[in-house]
Amino acid sequence: MALSRGGGDWAARAAEGRRLAPYAGDLAADTVLLALLLDASDSAVSRRTAEALARTGSPAAARLLTEALARADAALGDWIETGVEDATAPPPTR
């Protein structure tokens, strides 16, 4: 599992969060996932990473989300919570 650290555009960082979410609980992955959750440069990265972690439903993912919420300011915390809500919301109907 190759891990990247920062850099790249927001979409690449968000994709990294989605890619690493299943590895929550691995120390190296957790370090990157927490940094992505707390990405102050783009709330979309935080939101998409939170969504991916919430979709895994693992205890390790929940721990990361809880830690990120404890560290985040109010605005970023709102985006992390929105990501979790995105993961649990029913799909839109037509």
PDB file of N, CA and C in Angstrom:
ATOM      1  N   MET A   1       0.851  -1.163   0.000  1.00  0.00           N
ATOM      2  CA  MET A   1       0.000   0.000   0.000  1.00  0.00           C
ATOM      3  C   MET A   1       0.899   1.229   0.000  1.00  0.00           C
ATOM      4  N   ALA A   2       0.843   1.979  -1.059  1.00  0.00           N
ATOM      5  CA  ALA A   2       1.631   3.212  -1.144  1.00  0.00           C
ATOM      6  C   ALA A   2       0.811   4.356  -0.564  1.00  0.00           C
ATOM      7  N   LEU A   3       1.450   5.157   0.260  1.00  0.00           N
ATOM      8  CA  LEU A   3       0.779   6.279   0.891  1.00  0.00           C
ATOM      9  C   LEU A   3       1.381   7.571   0.393  1.00  0.00           C
ATOM     10  N   SER A   4       0.517   8.523   0.087  1.00  0.00           N
ATOM     11  CA  SER A   4       1.010   9.832  -0.309  1.00  0.00           C
ATOM     12  C   SER A   4       0.743  10.801   0.825  1.00  0.00           C
ATOM     13  N   ARG A   5       1.415  11.920   0.799  1.00  0.00           N
ATOM     14  CA  ARG A   5       1.232  12.926   1.841  1.00  0.00           C
ATOM     15  C   ARG A   5       1.038  14.277   1.196  1.00  0.00           C
ATOM     16  N   GLY A   6      -0.197  14.779   1.276  1.00  0.00           N
ATOM     17  CA  GLY A   6      -0.486  16.130   0.822  1.00  0.00           C
ATOM     18  C   GLY A   6      -0.216  16.336  -0.649  1.00  0.00           C
ATOM     19  N   GLY A   7      -0.219  17.595  -1.028  1.00  0.00           N
ATOM     20  CA  GLY A   7       0.032  17.941  -2.417  1.00  0.00           C
ATOM     21  C   GLY A   7      -1.132  17.569  -3.303  1.00  0.00           C
ATOM     22  N   GLY A   8      -1.018  17.900  -4.558  1.00  0.00           N
ATOM     23  CA  GLY A   8      -2.057  17.552  -5.511  1.00  0.00           C
ATOM     24  C   GLY A   8      -3.292  18.421  -5.348  1.00  0.00           C
ATOM     25  N   ASP A   9      -4.170  18.307  -6.299  1.00  0.00           N
ATOM     26  CA  ASP A   9      -5.399  19.084  -6.218  1.00  0.00           C
ATOM     27  C   ASP A   9      -6.376  18.405  -5.258  1.00  0.00           C
ATOM     28  N   TRP A  10      -7.451  19.115  -4.943  1.00  0.00           N
ATOM     29  CA  TRP A  10      -8.395  18.595  -3.953  1.00  0.00           C
ATOM     30  C   TRP A  10      -8.979  17.261  -4.382  1.00  0.00           C
ATOM     31  N   ALA A  11      -9.251  17.087  -5.668  1.00  0.00           N
ATOM     32  CA  ALA A  11      -9.858  15.840  -6.133  1.00  0.00           C
ATOM     33  C   ALA A  11      -8.913  14.657  -5.921  1.00  0.00           C
ATOM     34  N   ALA A  12      -7.624  14.882  -6.129  1.00  0.00           N
ATOM     35  CA  ALA A  12      -6.642  13.815  -5.913  1.00  0.00           C
ATOM     36  C   ALA A  12      -6.536  13.480  -4.432  1.00  0.00           C
ATOM     37  N   ARG A  13      -6.576  14.499  -3.566  1.00  0.00           N
ATOM     38  CA  ARG A  13      -6.508  14.247  -2.131  1.00  0.00           C
ATOM     39  C   ARG A  13      -7.776  13.532  -1.649  1.00  0.00           C
ATOM     40  N   ALA A  14      -8.927  13.930  -2.174  1.00  0.00           N
ATOM     41  CA  ALA A  14     -10.179  13.259  -1.813  1.00  0.00           C
ATOM     42  C   ALA A  14     -10.167  11.797  -2.274  1.00  0.00           C
ATOM     43  N   ALA A  15      -9.646  11.563  -3.459  1.00  0.00           N
ATOM     44  CA  ALA A  15      -9.536  10.193  -3.972  1.00  0.00           C
ATOM     45  C   ALA A  15      -8.610   9.360  -3.088  1.00  0.00           C
ATOM     46  N   GLU A  16      -7.560   9.980  -2.582  1.00  0.00           N
ATOM     47  CA  GLU A  16      -6.647   9.286  -1.677  1.00  0.00           C
ATOM     48  C   GLU A  16      -7.378   8.880  -0.396  1.00  0.00           C
ATOM     49  N   GLY A  17      -8.232   9.758   0.107  1.00  0.00           N
ATOM     50  CA  GLY A  17      -9.016   9.414   1.290  1.00  0.00           C
ATOM     51  C   GLY A  17      -9.937   8.238   1.036  1.00  0.00           C
ATOM     52  N   ARG A  18     -10.588   8.234  -0.118  1.00  0.00           N
ATOM     53  CA  ARG A  18     -11.470   7.102  -0.466  1.00  0.00           C
ATOM     54  C   ARG A  18     -10.669   5.819  -0.624  1.00  0.00           C
ATOM     55  N   ARG A  19      -9.494   5.932  -1.218  1.00  0.00           N
ATOM     56  CA  ARG A  19      -8.657   4.750  -1.436  1.00  0.00           C
ATOM     57  C   ARG A  19      -8.141   4.165  -0.126  1.00  0.00           C
ATOM     58  N   LEU A  20      -7.797   5.039   0.824  1.00  0.00           N
ATOM     59  CA  LEU A  20      -7.208   4.575   2.078  1.00  0.00           C
ATOM     60  C   LEU A  20      -8.234   4.191   3.140  1.00  0.00           C
ATOM     61  N   ALA A  21      -9.473   4.626   3.004  1.00  0.00           N
ATOM     62  CA  ALA A  21     -10.487   4.369   4.039  1.00  0.00           C
ATOM     63  C   ALA A  21     -10.581   2.895   4.446  1.00  0.00           C
ATOM     64  N   PRO A  22     -10.519   1.947   3.525  1.00  0.00           N
ATOM     65  CA  PRO A  22     -10.603   0.540   3.949  1.00  0.00           C
ATOM     66  C   PRO A  22      -9.414   0.093   4.805  1.00  0.00           C
ATOM     67  N   TYR A  23      -8.339   0.878   4.811  1.00  0.00           N
ATOM     68  CA  TYR A  23      -7.143   0.533   5.583  1.00  0.00           C
ATOM     69  C   TYR A  23      -7.123   1.208   6.951  1.00  0.00           C
ATOM     70  N   ALA A  24      -8.231   1.859   7.346  1.00  0.00           N
ATOM     71  CA  ALA A  24      -8.293   2.480   8.670  1.00  0.00           C
ATOM     72  C   ALA A  24      -7.923   1.447   9.721  1.00  0.00           C
ATOM     73  N   GLY A  25      -7.084   1.854  10.637  1.00  0.00           N
ATOM     74  CA  GLY A  25      -6.564   0.940  11.650  1.00  0.00           C
ATOM     75  C   GLY A  25      -5.102   0.640  11.431  1.00  0.00           C
ATOM     76  N   ASP A  26      -4.632   0.836  10.206  1.00  0.00           N
ATOM     77  CA  ASP A  26      -3.218   0.713   9.893  1.00  0.00           C
ATOM     78  C   ASP A  26      -2.570   2.052  10.258  1.00  0.00           C
ATOM     79  N   LEU A  27      -1.504   2.025  11.039  1.00  0.00           N
ATOM     80  CA  LEU A  27      -0.899   3.256  11.551  1.00  0.00           C
ATOM     81  C   LEU A  27      -0.527   4.231  10.439  1.00  0.00           C
ATOM     82  N   ALA A  28       0.088   3.740   9.385  1.00  0.00           N
ATOM     83  CA  ALA A  28       0.494   4.626   8.287  1.00  0.00           C
ATOM     84  C   ALA A  28      -0.723   5.219   7.586  1.00  0.00           C
ATOM     85  N   ALA A  29      -1.737   4.404   7.340  1.00  0.00           N
ATOM     86  CA  ALA A  29      -2.956   4.902   6.693  1.00  0.00           C
ATOM     87  C   ALA A  29      -3.666   5.891   7.602  1.00  0.00           C
ATOM     88  N   ASP A  30      -3.721   5.602   8.894  1.00  0.00           N
ATOM     89  CA  ASP A  30      -4.400   6.493   9.836  1.00  0.00           C
ATOM     90  C   ASP A  30      -3.770   7.876   9.860  1.00  0.00           C
ATOM     91  N   THR A  31      -2.465   7.934   9.769  1.00  0.00           N
ATOM     92  CA  THR A  31      -1.774   9.225   9.766  1.00  0.00           C
ATOM     93  C   THR A  31      -2.217  10.060   8.575  1.00  0.00           C
ATOM     94  N   VAL A  32      -2.289   9.448   7.410  1.00  0.00           N
ATOM     95  CA  VAL A  32      -2.700  10.165   6.201  1.00  0.00           C
ATOM     96  C   VAL A  32      -4.189  10.485   6.261  1.00  0.00           C
ATOM     97  N   LEU A  33      -5.005   9.537   6.687  1.00  0.00           N
ATOM     98  CA  LEU A  33      -6.452   9.765   6.757  1.00  0.00           C
ATOM     99  C   LEU A  33      -6.790  10.910   7.713  1.00  0.00           C
ATOM    100  N   LEU A  34      -6.130  10.970   8.852  1.00  0.00           N
ATOM    101  CA  LEU A  34      -6.393  12.052   9.794  1.00  0.00           C
ATOM    102  C   LEU A  34      -6.000  13.396   9.181  1.00  0.00           C
ATOM    103  N   ALA A  35      -4.874  13.426   8.486  1.00  0.00           N
ATOM    104  CA  ALA A  35      -4.452  14.668   7.818  1.00  0.00           C
ATOM    105  C   ALA A  35      -5.472  15.082   6.760  1.00  0.00           C
ATOM    106  N   LEU A  36      -6.020  14.127   6.037  1.00  0.00           N
ATOM    107  CA  LEU A  36      -7.028  14.439   5.022  1.00  0.00           C
ATOM    108  C   LEU A  36      -8.329  14.920   5.663  1.00  0.00           C
ATOM    109  N   LEU A  37      -8.720  14.309   6.762  1.00  0.00           N
ATOM    110  CA  LEU A  37      -9.916  14.756   7.466  1.00  0.00           C
ATOM    111  C   LEU A  37      -9.761  16.191   7.961  1.00  0.00           C
ATOM    112  N   LEU A  38      -8.552  16.548   8.346  1.00  0.00           N
ATOM    113  CA  LEU A  38      -8.283  17.876   8.896  1.00  0.00           C
ATOM    114  C   LEU A  38      -7.688  18.818   7.858  1.00  0.00           C
ATOM    115  N   ASP A  39      -7.911  18.541   6.584  1.00  0.00           N
ATOM    116  CA  ASP A  39      -7.376  19.342   5.479  1.00  0.00           C
ATOM    117  C   ASP A  39      -8.006  20.737   5.504  1.00  0.00           C
ATOM    118  N   ALA A  40      -7.270  21.692   6.016  1.00  0.00           N
ATOM    119  CA  ALA A  40      -7.797  23.056   6.141  1.00  0.00           C
ATOM    120  C   ALA A  40      -7.829  23.790   4.802  1.00  0.00           C
ATOM    121  N   SER A  41      -7.152  23.266   3.802  1.00  0.00           N
ATOM    122  CA  SER A  41      -7.102  23.965   2.514  1.00  0.00           C
ATOM    123  C   SER A  41      -8.330  23.704   1.649  1.00  0.00           C
ATOM    124  N   ASP A  42      -9.067  22.616   1.917  1.00  0.00           N
ATOM    125  CA  ASP A  42     -10.269  22.344   1.121  1.00  0.00           C
ATOM    126  C   ASP A  42     -11.205  21.428   1.894  1.00  0.00           C
ATOM    127  N   SER A  43     -12.358  21.949   2.270  1.00  0.00           N
ATOM    128  CA  SER A  43     -13.324  21.175   3.050  1.00  0.00           C
ATOM    129  C   SER A  43     -13.879  19.979   2.275  1.00  0.00           C
ATOM    130  N   ALA A  44     -13.812  20.020   0.952  1.00  0.00           N
ATOM    131  CA  ALA A  44     -14.298  18.884   0.155  1.00  0.00           C
ATOM    132  C   ALA A  44     -13.463  17.640   0.429  1.00  0.00           C
ATOM    133  N   VAL A  45     -12.179  17.812   0.694  1.00  0.00           N
ATOM    134  CA  VAL A  45     -11.314  16.674   1.019  1.00  0.00           C
ATOM    135  C   VAL A  45     -11.773  16.060   2.337  1.00  0.00           C
ATOM    136  N   SER A  46     -12.035  16.907   3.328  1.00  0.00           N
ATOM    137  CA  SER A  46     -12.511  16.422   4.626  1.00  0.00           C
ATOM    138  C   SER A  46     -13.840  15.693   4.472  1.00  0.00           C
ATOM    139  N   ARG A  47     -14.742  16.292   3.719  1.00  0.00           N
ATOM    140  CA  ARG A  47     -16.075  15.720   3.544  1.00  0.00           C
ATOM    141  C   ARG A  47     -16.016  14.364   2.845  1.00  0.00           C
ATOM    142  N   ARG A  48     -15.286  14.264   1.759  1.00  0.00           N
ATOM    143  CA  ARG A  48     -15.211  13.000   1.001  1.00  0.00           C
ATOM    144  C   ARG A  48     -14.481  11.912   1.785  1.00  0.00           C
ATOM    145  N   THR A  49     -13.439  12.294   2.528  1.00  0.00           N
ATOM    146  CA  THR A  49     -12.722  11.311   3.339  1.00  0.00           C
ATOM    147  C   THR A  49     -13.620  10.810   4.464  1.00  0.00           C
ATOM    148  N   ALA A  50     -14.363  11.727   5.103  1.00  0.00           N
ATOM    149  CA  ALA A  50     -15.292  11.331   6.164  1.00  0.00           C
ATOM    150  C   ALA A  50     -16.366  10.394   5.618  1.00  0.00           C
ATOM    151  N   GLU A  51     -16.869  10.709   4.438  1.00  0.00           N
ATOM    152  CA  GLU A  51     -17.880   9.850   3.824  1.00  0.00           C
ATOM    153  C   GLU A  51     -17.328   8.450   3.593  1.00  0.00           C
ATOM    154  N   ALA A  52     -16.125   8.359   3.045  1.00  0.00           N
ATOM    155  CA  ALA A  52     -15.520   7.055   2.767  1.00  0.00           C
ATOM    156  C   ALA A  52     -15.291   6.272   4.054  1.00  0.00           C
ATOM    157  N   LEU A  53     -14.828   6.946   5.093  1.00  0.00           N
ATOM    158  CA  LEU A  53     -14.615   6.259   6.370  1.00  0.00           C
ATOM    159  C   LEU A  53     -15.938   5.790   6.958  1.00  0.00           C
ATOM    160  N   ALA A  54     -16.951   6.633   6.909  1.00  0.00           N
ATOM    161  CA  ALA A  54     -18.258   6.241   7.455  1.00  0.00           C
ATOM    162  C   ALA A  54     -18.831   5.048   6.705  1.00  0.00           C
ATOM    163  N   ARG A  55     -18.606   4.986   5.415  1.00  0.00           N
ATOM    164  CA  ARG A  55     -19.117   3.862   4.621  1.00  0.00           C
ATOM    165  C   ARG A  55     -18.450   2.538   5.022  1.00  0.00           C
ATOM    166  N   THR A  56     -17.218   2.587   5.511  1.00  0.00           N
ATOM    167  CA  THR A  56     -16.566   1.341   5.918  1.00  0.00           C
ATOM    168  C   THR A  56     -17.238   0.757   7.145  1.00  0.00           C
ATOM    169  N   GLY A  57     -17.717   1.637   8.029  1.00  0.00           N
ATOM    170  CA  GLY A  57     -18.411   1.172   9.225  1.00  0.00           C
ATOM    171  C   GLY A  57     -17.524   0.476  10.241  1.00  0.00           C
ATOM    172  N   SER A  58     -16.226   0.582  10.102  1.00  0.00           N
ATOM    173  CA  SER A  58     -15.332  -0.119  11.014  1.00  0.00           C
ATOM    174  C   SER A  58     -15.093   0.692  12.286  1.00  0.00           C
ATOM    175  N   PRO A  59     -14.770   0.014  13.382  1.00  0.00           N
ATOM    176  CA  PRO A  59     -14.427   0.729  14.613  1.00  0.00           C
ATOM    177  C   PRO A  59     -13.223   1.660  14.422  1.00  0.00           C
ATOM    178  N   ALA A  60     -12.249   1.239  13.625  1.00  0.00           N
ATOM    179  CA  ALA A  60     -11.070   2.085  13.378  1.00  0.00           C
ATOM    180  C   ALA A  60     -11.465   3.361  12.645  1.00  0.00           C
ATOM    181  N   ALA A  61     -12.393   3.256  11.701  1.00  0.00           N
ATOM    182  CA  ALA A  61     -12.864   4.437  10.978  1.00  0.00           C
ATOM    183  C   ALA A  61     -13.616   5.368  11.924  1.00  0.00           C
ATOM    184  N   ALA A  62     -14.441   4.803  12.785  1.00  0.00           N
ATOM    185  CA  ALA A  62     -15.184   5.617  13.756  1.00  0.00           C
ATOM    186  C   ALA A  62     -14.224   6.337  14.692  1.00  0.00           C
ATOM    187  N   ARG A  63     -13.159   5.665  15.094  1.00  0.00           N
ATOM    188  CA  ARG A  63     -12.162   6.293  15.965  1.00  0.00           C
ATOM    189  C   ARG A  63     -11.517   7.481  15.279  1.00  0.00           C
ATOM    190  N   LEU A  64     -11.167   7.324  13.997  1.00  0.00           N
ATOM    191  CA  LEU A  64     -10.568   8.430  13.244  1.00  0.00           C
ATOM    192  C   LEU A  64     -11.533   9.597  13.112  1.00  0.00           C
ATOM    193  N   LEU A  65     -12.779   9.313  12.819  1.00  0.00           N
ATOM    194  CA  LEU A  65     -13.777  10.375  12.694  1.00  0.00           C
ATOM    195  C   LEU A  65     -13.946  11.111  14.015  1.00  0.00           C
ATOM    196  N   THR A  66     -13.987  10.376  15.110  1.00  0.00           N
ATOM    197  CA  THR A  66     -14.127  10.982  16.422  1.00  0.00           C
ATOM    198  C   THR A  66     -12.925  11.861  16.751  1.00  0.00           C
ATOM    199  N   GLU A  67     -11.739  11.363  16.457  1.00  0.00           N
ATOM    200  CA  GLU A  67     -10.523  12.144  16.716  1.00  0.00           C
ATOM    201  C   GLU A  67     -10.495  13.413  15.870  1.00  0.00           C
ATOM    202  N   ALA A  68     -10.875  13.295  14.602  1.00  0.00           N
ATOM    203  CA  ALA A  68     -10.885  14.464  13.733  1.00  0.00           C
ATOM    204  C   ALA A  68     -11.889  15.502  14.231  1.00  0.00           C
ATOM    205  N   LEU A  69     -13.065  15.060  14.657  1.00  0.00           N
ATOM    206  CA  LEU A  69     -14.069  15.995  15.172  1.00  0.00           C
ATOM    207  C   LEU A  69     -13.573  16.694  16.436  1.00  0.00           C
ATOM    208  N   ALA A  70     -12.828  15.988  17.259  1.00  0.00           N
ATOM    209  CA  ALA A  70     -12.292  16.592  18.480  1.00  0.00           C
ATOM    210  C   ALA A  70     -11.243  17.653  18.165  1.00  0.00           C
ATOM    211  N   ARG A  71     -10.523  17.483  17.076  1.00  0.00           N
ATOM    212  CA  ARG A  71      -9.449  18.409  16.710  1.00  0.00           C
ATOM    213  C   ARG A  71      -9.904  19.550  15.800  1.00  0.00           C
ATOM    214  N   ALA A  72     -10.965  19.344  15.065  1.00  0.00           N
ATOM    215  CA  ALA A  72     -11.403  20.300  14.043  1.00  0.00           C
ATOM    216  C   ALA A  72     -12.046  21.528  14.677  1.00  0.00           C
ATOM    217  N   ASP A  73     -11.935  22.656  13.964  1.00  0.00           N
ATOM    218  CA  ASP A  73     -12.709  23.821  14.395  1.00  0.00           C
ATOM    219  C   ASP A  73     -14.173  23.574  13.999  1.00  0.00           C
ATOM    220  N   ALA A  74     -15.049  24.476  14.412  1.00  0.00           N
ATOM    221  CA  ALA A  74     -16.489  24.264  14.198  1.00  0.00           C
ATOM    222  C   ALA A  74     -16.845  24.117  12.724  1.00  0.00           C
ATOM    223  N   ALA A  75     -16.262  24.965  11.883  1.00  0.00           N
ATOM    224  CA  ALA A  75     -16.604  24.910  10.455  1.00  0.00           C
ATOM    225  C   ALA A  75     -16.156  23.598   9.825  1.00  0.00           C
ATOM    226  N   LEU A  76     -14.927  23.190  10.091  1.00  0.00           N
ATOM    227  CA  LEU A  76     -14.433  21.936   9.508  1.00  0.00           C
ATOM    228  C   LEU A  76     -15.189  20.752  10.104  1.00  0.00           C
ATOM    229  N   GLY A  77     -15.519  20.829  11.386  1.00  0.00           N
ATOM    230  CA  GLY A  77     -16.311  19.766  12.013  1.00  0.00           C
ATOM    231  C   GLY A  77     -17.651  19.589  11.326  1.00  0.00           C
ATOM    232  N   ASP A  78     -18.260  20.705  10.913  1.00  0.00           N
ATOM    233  CA  ASP A  78     -19.521  20.618  10.174  1.00  0.00           C
ATOM    234  C   ASP A  78     -19.348  19.848   8.871  1.00  0.00           C
ATOM    235  N   TRP A  79     -18.239  20.072   8.174  1.00  0.00           N
ATOM    236  CA  TRP A  79     -18.003  19.364   6.911  1.00  0.00           C
ATOM    237  C   TRP A  79     -17.730  17.881   7.138  1.00  0.00           C
ATOM    238  N   ILE A  80     -17.040  17.557   8.219  1.00  0.00           N
ATOM    239  CA  ILE A  80     -16.806  16.146   8.543  1.00  0.00           C
ATOM    240  C   ILE A  80     -18.151  15.472   8.842  1.00  0.00           C
ATOM    241  N   GLU A  81     -18.984  16.135   9.631  1.00  0.00           N
ATOM    242  CA  GLU A  81     -20.310  15.589   9.938  1.00  0.00           C
ATOM    243  C   GLU A  81     -21.162  15.448   8.674  1.00  0.00           C
ATOM    244  N   THR A  82     -21.047  16.404   7.763  1.00  0.00           N
ATOM    245  CA  THR A  82     -21.788  16.316   6.498  1.00  0.00           C
ATOM    246  C   THR A  82     -21.341  15.092   5.706  1.00  0.00           C
ATOM    247  N   GLY A  83     -20.038  14.810   5.717  1.00  0.00           N
ATOM    248  CA  GLY A  83     -19.540  13.614   5.036  1.00  0.00           C
ATOM    249  C   GLY A  83     -20.121  12.342   5.615  1.00  0.00           C
ATOM    250  N   VAL A  84     -20.217  12.282   6.930  1.00  0.00           N
ATOM    251  CA  VAL A  84     -20.826  11.114   7.583  1.00  0.00           C
ATOM    252  C   VAL A  84     -22.293  11.014   7.186  1.00  0.00           C
ATOM    253  N   GLU A  85     -22.991  12.144   7.178  1.00  0.00           N
ATOM    254  CA  GLU A  85     -24.402  12.145   6.757  1.00  0.00           C
ATOM    255  C   GLU A  85     -24.543  11.701   5.306  1.00  0.00           C
ATOM    256  N   ASP A  86     -23.603  12.122   4.444  1.00  0.00           N
ATOM    257  CA  ASP A  86     -23.641  11.702   3.036  1.00  0.00           C
ATOM    258  C   ASP A  86     -23.590  10.172   2.931  1.00  0.00           C
ATOM    259  N   ALA A  87     -22.815   9.549   3.805  1.00  0.00           N
ATOM    260  CA  ALA A  87     -22.643   8.095   3.750  1.00  0.00           C
ATOM    261  C   ALA A  87     -23.879   7.361   4.227  1.00  0.00           C
ATOM    262  N   THR A  88     -24.660   8.002   5.077  1.00  0.00           N
ATOM    263  CA  THR A  88     -25.810   7.312   5.658  1.00  0.00           C
ATOM    264  C   THR A  88     -27.141   7.734   5.030  1.00  0.00           C
ATOM    265  N   ALA A  89     -27.112   8.742   4.196  1.00  0.00           N
ATOM    266  CA  ALA A  89     -28.344   9.224   3.565  1.00  0.00           C
ATOM    267  C   ALA A  89     -28.808   8.239   2.487  1.00  0.00           C
ATOM    268  N   PRO A  90     -30.108   8.066   2.371  1.00  0.00           N
ATOM    269  CA  PRO A  90     -30.609   7.209   1.288  1.00  0.00           C
ATOM    270  C   PRO A  90     -30.338   7.865  -0.053  1.00  0.00           C
ATOM    271  N   PRO A  91     -30.183   7.070  -1.098  1.00  0.00           N
ATOM    272  CA  PRO A  91     -29.953   7.661  -2.416  1.00  0.00           C
ATOM    273  C   PRO A  91     -31.151   8.503  -2.837  1.00  0.00           C
ATOM    274  N   PRO A  92     -30.894   9.540  -3.620  1.00  0.00           N
ATOM    275  CA  PRO A  92     -32.012  10.394  -4.068  1.00  0.00           C
ATOM    276  C   PRO A  92     -32.958   9.601  -4.981  1.00  0.00           C
ATOM    277  N   THR A  93     -34.219   9.953  -4.899  1.00  0.00           N
ATOM    278  CA  THR A  93     -35.201   9.314  -5.778  1.00  0.00           C
ATOM    279  C   THR A  93     -35.561  10.264  -6.898  1.00  0.00           C
ATOM    280  N   ARG A  94     -36.037   9.709  -7.959  1.00  0.00           N
ATOM    281  CA  ARG A  94     -36.403  10.530  -9.117  1.00  0.00           C
ATOM    282  C   ARG A  94     -37.864  10.757  -9.172  1.00  0.00           C
TER     283      ARG A  94
END
